[in-house]
Every structure is written in structure tokens, then in C-alpha cells.
């Protein structure tokens, strides 16, 4: 994937919910507070993360483990699917953590070849590390996302302020994708 396309997709993906949050902060706050224990979102995110991870493993040239690769992929798939059945507490947070870790990997892999080409590439790289740290943190302590969401949506003014700040960052990343990263 090209860095420009990734930046545009990240900017749009982050920006659209913020527009909704600015227009309807109470509804966004209600949805955000329900997210950590939303089983449907959890199953969807966990299955997405599992499929993405297995796809990554399939594409890796693991010479030392090539004989075990089919078993590893079956095992990883089983862990992802069985998590949806047996680990339903905070499943949405756990699924989001897996997706954040994989998204961080994609961002790092996409930006790394262009580190010397633009002074703005470290923005994407730093954001990827934020995703990775958040993914690790939410995997270990999933209730922290619930607490963070409750704090972030405690008042309509706080919800609007945080949505506005995230929207500005999303617009910056989108503009980078359309300008500075256009040739990358």
C-alpha cells in the first residue's frame, strides 16, 4: 500500500466519527460508553484481527517453521474464534487492541521506506507507536478503555473539544496524504 493512500484512509477513518461527535455529542458519548461491552462489535473486531493476523502469517517467509505454518495458522485461527466464545468480557476492547496492533504494524511497514524522503513521515510512525502501546495496554487492562471513554465523554463540551482536536489531527493526516505523501 502506498503511504499516500494509507494517510488518506487513516485521515478519513479517524475524521468521520469526529464530525458525528461534533454534530451529536450526546449520541456519540452513549455509543462510546457502550462499546467496551458490545459483544457484536467485539466479535467483528476479533474476527477481523484474527483474519488479518493469519493473513500476515501466511505471507511471512518463515523458513525455519515452514513445515509448521499450516498448524500455526490453524492454531491462531482457533484462538481468535474461541476467544469470541469463551472470553466475551471486554471482547470489543480486546478485538480493538488486536486491530490497533496490526494497524500499527501496517503503518510502520508502509512508512519505513520513506523515512528520509519527507520530514512528515515520523508523524505516521509516531502515531503507529501510539497505536501499538495502546493495543498492548488495552490487551493487558481492557477496563482502562472503559474508564478512558467515560472520562472523555463525561460532558458534552469535553466530547466536542476532544472530537475537534481529533478532527484537526485527522485533517492534518488527510492533507499529508494528498500533498506531502502524494508521490510515496
Foldseek 3Di string as FASTA:
>chain_A
DALLVLLQCQLVVQQPVLVVCLVPVVVSLVCQLCQQLPLVLLLVLLQVLLVLVLVVLVPDPDPVCVVCNVVVNVVSNCVSVVCSVPVNRSSNLLSQLSVLLSSLVVLCVNLVVCVPPDPCSVVSNVVSVVSNVSSVVCNVPVCVSSVVSCVCSVDSVSSNVVSVVSNVVSVVSNVCSVPVRVVD
